[in-house]
Amino acid sequence: MNAFHKKIILLSLLIVGMPLLSGCWVLAAAGAGAYGGYYLKKEGYTLQSPITKEKSSKKNKTNETNR
């Protein structure tokens, strides 16, 4: 086997292997984030959702009662 064939085989293994490794990095990052959230919760920090329900105003209540 000459050097050209070795390069082709190495390149093909690299192309096939990269997508497999990328999934591992995603799982490692997700695990680190989960541990960070667990640790912060243990220290007393809480996460608040920025999405809240709208409080109905007096104007909407009067419109509903007049119907």
C-alpha atoms as a PDB file:
ATOM      1  CA  MET A   1       0.000   0.000   0.000  1.00  0.00           C
ATOM      2  CA  ASN A   2       1.538   3.289  -1.008  1.00  0.00           C
ATOM      3  CA  ALA A   3       1.292   6.671   0.718  1.00  0.00           C
ATOM      4  CA  PHE A   4      -1.580   7.822  -1.496  1.00  0.00           C
ATOM      5  CA  HIS A   5      -3.790   4.908  -0.436  1.00  0.00           C
ATOM      6  CA  LYS A   6      -2.949   5.520   3.236  1.00  0.00           C
ATOM      7  CA  LYS A   7      -3.985   9.158   2.893  1.00  0.00           C
ATOM      8  CA  ILE A   8      -7.268   8.175   1.233  1.00  0.00           C
ATOM      9  CA  ILE A   9      -8.058   5.646   3.973  1.00  0.00           C
ATOM     10  CA  LEU A  10      -7.129   8.104   6.742  1.00  0.00           C
ATOM     11  CA  LEU A  11      -9.232  10.832   5.153  1.00  0.00           C
ATOM     12  CA  SER A  12     -12.239   8.545   4.768  1.00  0.00           C
ATOM     13  CA  LEU A  13     -11.960   7.422   8.410  1.00  0.00           C
ATOM     14  CA  LEU A  14     -11.766  11.044   9.485  1.00  0.00           C
ATOM     15  CA  ILE A  15     -14.849  11.971   7.443  1.00  0.00           C
ATOM     16  CA  VAL A  16     -16.810   9.044   8.895  1.00  0.00           C
ATOM     17  CA  GLY A  17     -15.541   9.618  12.439  1.00  0.00           C
ATOM     18  CA  MET A  18     -16.231  13.347  12.780  1.00  0.00           C
ATOM     19  CA  PRO A  19     -20.036  13.092  12.951  1.00  0.00           C
ATOM     20  CA  LEU A  20     -19.731  10.362  15.541  1.00  0.00           C
ATOM     21  CA  LEU A  21     -17.493  12.519  17.730  1.00  0.00           C
ATOM     22  CA  SER A  22     -19.716  15.572  17.402  1.00  0.00           C
ATOM     23  CA  GLY A  23     -22.544  13.776  19.198  1.00  0.00           C
ATOM     24  CA  CYS A  24     -20.231  13.042  22.122  1.00  0.00           C
ATOM     25  CA  TRP A  25     -19.391  16.727  22.511  1.00  0.00           C
ATOM     26  CA  VAL A  26     -23.074  17.637  22.569  1.00  0.00           C
ATOM     27  CA  LEU A  27     -23.757  15.073  25.280  1.00  0.00           C
ATOM     28  CA  ALA A  28     -20.758  16.243  27.309  1.00  0.00           C
ATOM     29  CA  ALA A  29     -21.899  19.873  27.106  1.00  0.00           C
ATOM     30  CA  ALA A  30     -25.453  18.921  28.098  1.00  0.00           C
ATOM     31  CA  GLY A  31     -24.133  16.956  31.062  1.00  0.00           C
ATOM     32  CA  ALA A  32     -21.987  19.879  32.178  1.00  0.00           C
ATOM     33  CA  GLY A  33     -24.973  22.231  31.933  1.00  0.00           C
ATOM     34  CA  ALA A  34     -27.165  19.859  33.893  1.00  0.00           C
ATOM     35  CA  TYR A  35     -24.571  19.556  36.646  1.00  0.00           C
ATOM     36  CA  GLY A  36     -24.162  23.341  36.723  1.00  0.00           C
ATOM     37  CA  GLY A  37     -27.915  23.775  37.162  1.00  0.00           C
ATOM     38  CA  TYR A  38     -27.996  21.131  39.889  1.00  0.00           C
ATOM     39  CA  TYR A  39     -25.099  22.750  41.742  1.00  0.00           C
ATOM     40  CA  LEU A  40     -26.613  26.234  41.546  1.00  0.00           C
ATOM     41  CA  LYS A  41     -29.971  24.898  42.774  1.00  0.00           C
ATOM     42  CA  LYS A  42     -28.161  23.280  45.703  1.00  0.00           C
ATOM     43  CA  GLU A  43     -26.539  26.641  46.515  1.00  0.00           C
ATOM     44  CA  GLY A  44     -29.957  28.303  46.653  1.00  0.00           C
ATOM     45  CA  TYR A  45     -30.229  29.898  43.223  1.00  0.00           C
ATOM     46  CA  THR A  46     -33.500  29.566  41.342  1.00  0.00           C
ATOM     47  CA  LEU A  47     -34.418  30.001  37.705  1.00  0.00           C
ATOM     48  CA  GLN A  48     -37.380  32.194  36.889  1.00  0.00           C
ATOM     49  CA  SER A  49     -39.189  31.997  33.610  1.00  0.00           C
ATOM     50  CA  PRO A  50     -39.334  35.305  31.730  1.00  0.00           C
ATOM     51  CA  ILE A  51     -42.734  34.343  30.354  1.00  0.00           C
ATOM     52  CA  THR A  52     -45.561  35.365  32.657  1.00  0.00           C
ATOM     53  CA  LYS A  53     -49.312  35.477  32.353  1.00  0.00           C
ATOM     54  CA  GLU A  54     -50.811  38.818  31.580  1.00  0.00           C
ATOM     55  CA  LYS A  55     -52.884  40.242  34.359  1.00  0.00           C
ATOM     56  CA  SER A  56     -56.265  41.342  33.140  1.00  0.00           C
ATOM     57  CA  SER A  57     -56.758  45.054  33.488  1.00  0.00           C
ATOM     58  CA  LYS A  58     -59.837  46.788  34.850  1.00  0.00           C
ATOM     59  CA  LYS A  59     -60.705  47.922  31.338  1.00  0.00           C
ATOM     60  CA  ASN A  60     -60.995  44.337  30.090  1.00  0.00           C
ATOM     61  CA  LYS A  61     -63.109  43.351  33.097  1.00  0.00           C
ATOM     62  CA  THR A  62     -65.586  46.173  32.532  1.00  0.00           C
ATOM     63  CA  ASN A  63     -65.883  45.314  28.841  1.00  0.00           C
ATOM     64  CA  GLU A  64     -66.646  41.693  29.674  1.00  0.00           C
ATOM     65  CA  THR A  65     -69.320  42.589  32.230  1.00  0.00           C
ATOM     66  CA  ASN A  66     -71.065  45.017  29.841  1.00  0.00           C
ATOM     67  CA  ARG A  67     -71.618  42.374  27.178  1.00  0.00           C
END
